[in-house]
Protein backbone atom coordinates (compact mmCIF):
# COMPACT_ATOMS: atom_id res chain seq x y z
CA MET A 1 -8.56 7.54 14.94
CA PHE A 2 -9.78 4.02 14.37
CA ILE A 3 -9.35 1.20 11.89
CA ARG A 4 -11.89 -1.04 10.23
CA GLU A 5 -11.16 -4.17 8.26
CA ARG A 6 -12.87 -3.98 4.92
CA GLY A 7 -15.95 -6.00 4.28
CA HIS A 8 -17.19 -7.36 1.01
CA SER A 9 -19.88 -4.78 0.41
CA ILE A 10 -20.29 -2.64 -2.68
CA GLU A 11 -19.85 0.38 -0.39
CA ASP A 12 -16.36 -0.85 0.57
CA LEU A 13 -15.50 -1.28 -3.10
CA HIS A 14 -16.49 2.30 -3.88
CA ILE A 15 -14.64 3.67 -0.83
CA LEU A 16 -11.54 1.73 -1.90
CA HIS A 17 -11.85 3.03 -5.46
CA GLU A 18 -12.20 6.65 -4.39
CA ILE A 19 -9.36 6.61 -1.88
CA SER A 20 -6.98 4.60 -4.08
CA TYR A 21 -7.49 6.81 -7.10
CA GLY A 22 -7.43 10.06 -5.11
CA THR A 23 -4.41 9.40 -2.91
CA PHE A 24 -2.28 8.01 -5.74
CA ASP A 25 -3.17 10.95 -7.98
CA GLU A 26 -2.48 13.64 -5.39
CA THR A 27 0.81 12.01 -4.40
CA PHE A 28 2.33 11.33 -7.81
CA LYS A 29 0.66 13.56 -10.43
CA ASP A 30 3.35 16.25 -10.26
CA GLN A 31 6.16 13.76 -11.03
CA ASN A 32 4.46 11.97 -13.94
CA SER A 33 2.88 12.87 -17.26
CA PRO A 34 -0.90 13.25 -17.31
CA GLU A 35 -1.15 10.45 -19.90
CA ASN A 36 0.86 7.99 -17.81
CA MET A 37 -1.09 8.87 -14.65
CA LYS A 38 -4.42 8.43 -16.45
CA ASN A 39 -3.38 5.07 -17.92
CA TYR A 40 -2.04 3.78 -14.61
CA LEU A 41 -5.00 4.93 -12.52
CA GLU A 42 -7.51 3.41 -14.92
CA LYS A 43 -5.63 0.10 -15.00
CA ALA A 44 -4.69 -0.25 -11.31
CA PHE A 45 -7.76 1.18 -9.62
CA ASN A 46 -10.73 0.35 -11.81
CA LEU A 47 -13.68 -1.28 -10.05
CA LYS A 48 -13.12 -4.71 -11.63
CA GLN A 49 -9.45 -4.79 -10.52
CA LEU A 50 -10.24 -3.62 -6.99
CA LYS A 51 -13.09 -6.14 -6.67
CA LYS A 52 -10.63 -8.88 -7.66
CA GLU A 53 -8.15 -7.65 -5.02
CA LEU A 54 -10.84 -7.47 -2.33
CA SER A 55 -11.91 -11.03 -3.03
CA ASN A 56 -8.39 -12.49 -2.77
CA ILE A 57 -8.21 -14.39 0.54
CA SER A 58 -4.44 -13.77 0.70
CA SER A 59 -4.93 -9.98 0.75
CA GLN A 60 -6.32 -7.87 3.58
CA PHE A 61 -7.50 -4.26 3.52
CA PHE A 62 -8.01 -1.91 6.46
CA PHE A 63 -9.53 1.57 6.27
CA VAL A 64 -8.25 4.12 8.76
CA TYR A 65 -10.57 6.91 9.90
CA TYR A 66 -9.73 10.30 11.35
CA ASN A 67 -12.57 12.39 12.80
CA ASP A 68 -15.07 9.92 11.29
CA GLU A 69 -13.69 10.45 7.76
CA VAL A 70 -11.87 7.79 5.74
CA ALA A 71 -8.29 9.05 5.81
CA GLY A 72 -6.49 6.18 4.13
CA TYR A 73 -5.98 2.46 4.00
CA LEU A 74 -3.58 -0.43 4.32
CA LYS A 75 -3.25 -3.43 1.99
CA VAL A 76 -1.15 -6.46 2.97
CA ASN A 77 -0.50 -9.66 1.01
CA THR A 78 0.66 -13.16 1.87
CA ASN A 79 1.29 -16.29 -0.16
CA GLU A 80 0.62 -15.96 -3.91
CA ALA A 81 -0.87 -12.47 -3.53
CA GLN A 82 2.60 -11.01 -2.95
CA SER A 83 3.80 -9.03 -5.97
CA GLU A 84 7.28 -10.62 -5.73
CA GLU A 85 8.37 -14.14 -4.80
CA MET A 86 9.34 -13.66 -1.16
CA GLY A 87 8.21 -16.99 0.24
CA ASP A 88 5.80 -18.16 2.89
CA GLU A 89 7.73 -16.50 5.72
CA SER A 90 7.09 -12.98 4.38
CA LEU A 91 4.21 -10.53 4.38
CA GLU A 92 4.05 -7.79 1.76
CA LEU A 93 2.94 -4.34 2.78
CA GLU A 94 1.65 -3.37 -0.66
CA ARG A 95 -0.05 -0.07 0.16
CA ILE A 96 -0.23 2.51 2.89
CA TYR A 97 -2.21 5.27 1.25
CA ILE A 98 -3.06 8.36 3.32
CA LYS A 99 -4.85 11.42 1.97
CA ASN A 100 -2.53 14.46 1.98
CA LYS A 101 -4.70 16.39 4.43
CA PHE A 102 -4.30 13.58 6.99
CA GLN A 103 -0.56 13.12 6.68
CA ARG A 104 1.65 13.94 9.65
CA HIS A 105 -1.03 12.74 12.09
CA GLY A 106 0.58 9.37 12.86
CA LEU A 107 -1.73 7.40 10.57
CA GLY A 108 1.09 5.89 8.49
CA LYS A 109 2.78 4.56 11.62
CA TYR A 110 -0.58 3.33 12.90
CA LEU A 111 -1.13 1.33 9.70
CA LEU A 112 2.46 0.09 9.63
CA ASP A 113 2.06 -1.16 13.20
CA LYS A 114 -1.12 -2.96 12.08
CA ALA A 115 0.80 -4.65 9.25
CA ILE A 116 3.54 -5.77 11.65
CA GLU A 117 0.89 -7.08 14.07
CA ILE A 118 -0.67 -9.13 11.24
CA ALA A 119 2.73 -10.48 10.19
CA MET A 120 3.63 -11.52 13.72
CA LYS A 121 0.21 -13.06 14.37
CA ASN A 122 0.75 -15.17 11.24
CA ASN A 123 4.30 -16.16 12.25
CA LYS A 124 5.97 -14.27 9.40
CA LYS A 125 9.70 -13.61 9.75
CA ASN A 126 9.83 -10.63 7.39
CA ILE A 127 7.71 -7.74 6.23
CA TRP A 128 8.61 -6.09 2.95
CA LEU A 129 7.44 -3.42 0.53
CA GLY A 130 8.26 -1.68 -2.72
CA VAL A 131 8.63 2.10 -2.71
CA TRP A 132 9.39 4.42 -5.64
CA GLU A 133 13.03 5.47 -5.59
CA LYS A 134 11.98 9.15 -5.86
CA ASN A 135 9.53 9.01 -2.94
CA GLU A 136 12.07 10.34 -0.44
CA ASN A 137 9.56 11.01 2.35
CA ALA A 138 8.28 7.43 2.29
CA ILE A 139 11.81 5.99 2.11
CA ALA A 140 12.87 8.07 5.12
CA PHE A 141 9.77 6.96 7.03
CA TYR A 142 10.40 3.27 6.33
CA LYS A 143 14.08 3.57 7.28
CA LYS A 144 13.04 5.23 10.54
CA MET A 145 10.71 2.27 11.14
CA GLY A 146 13.55 -0.24 10.74
CA PHE A 147 13.28 -1.21 7.08
CA VAL A 148 16.44 -1.68 5.01
CA HIS A 149 16.91 -1.41 1.26
CA THR A 150 17.47 -4.96 -0.02
CA GLY A 151 16.87 -4.72 -3.76
CA ALA A 152 14.83 -3.16 -6.54
CA HIS A 153 12.29 -4.01 -9.21
CA SER A 154 10.71 -2.31 -12.20
CA PHE A 155 7.38 -0.57 -11.90
CA TYR A 156 5.52 0.79 -14.94
CA MET A 157 3.74 4.11 -14.75
CA GLY A 158 1.90 3.96 -18.05
CA ASP A 159 4.67 3.39 -20.59
CA GLU A 160 7.47 4.72 -18.37
CA GLU A 161 9.66 2.25 -16.50
CA GLN A 162 10.42 3.39 -12.96
CA ILE A 163 12.36 1.74 -10.16
CA ASP A 164 10.88 0.68 -6.84
CA PHE A 165 13.26 -0.03 -4.00
CA ILE A 166 12.52 -3.25 -2.12
CA MET A 167 12.74 -2.59 1.61
CA MET A 168 12.51 -5.29 4.27
CA LYS A 169 12.25 -5.53 8.02
CA THR A 170 13.08 -8.72 9.89
CA LEU A 171 10.67 -9.44 12.72
CA ASN A 172 11.60 -10.98 16.07
């Protein structure tokens, strides 16, 4: 397994598009209506939106590979790129997306450790994330990794309001 920070190439944009769309769809399609999934995927992961995210200097992306295949990626945000006002002392772990066939291989922990490393290198005191209240596997994973539930915010899947738990870990 290895990790590569994304570049600014068109190839990276297309890899990001494919893996974002595919992992989100395979993870959440059974719990959401086809219409809401289609609307969300087209809004959140279209090429224009992803290009904008890639070009934001306060966001970083890292692809993780397993057996030379892109298995998933990490997105972290600082400063104004954070999706909630958490201040300059926090780093947001916005996405850890792993293809289903690569789950349970330690890749999520590998990417989480990378996010913590980035936060510590940048003297952040906290790392936080939002996770869907019904994503029990992810919640259990984050709790195991030392995150605590500190709040909640609304997340819209198409026209359906859902709740994301805010989870935070204080760094030493």
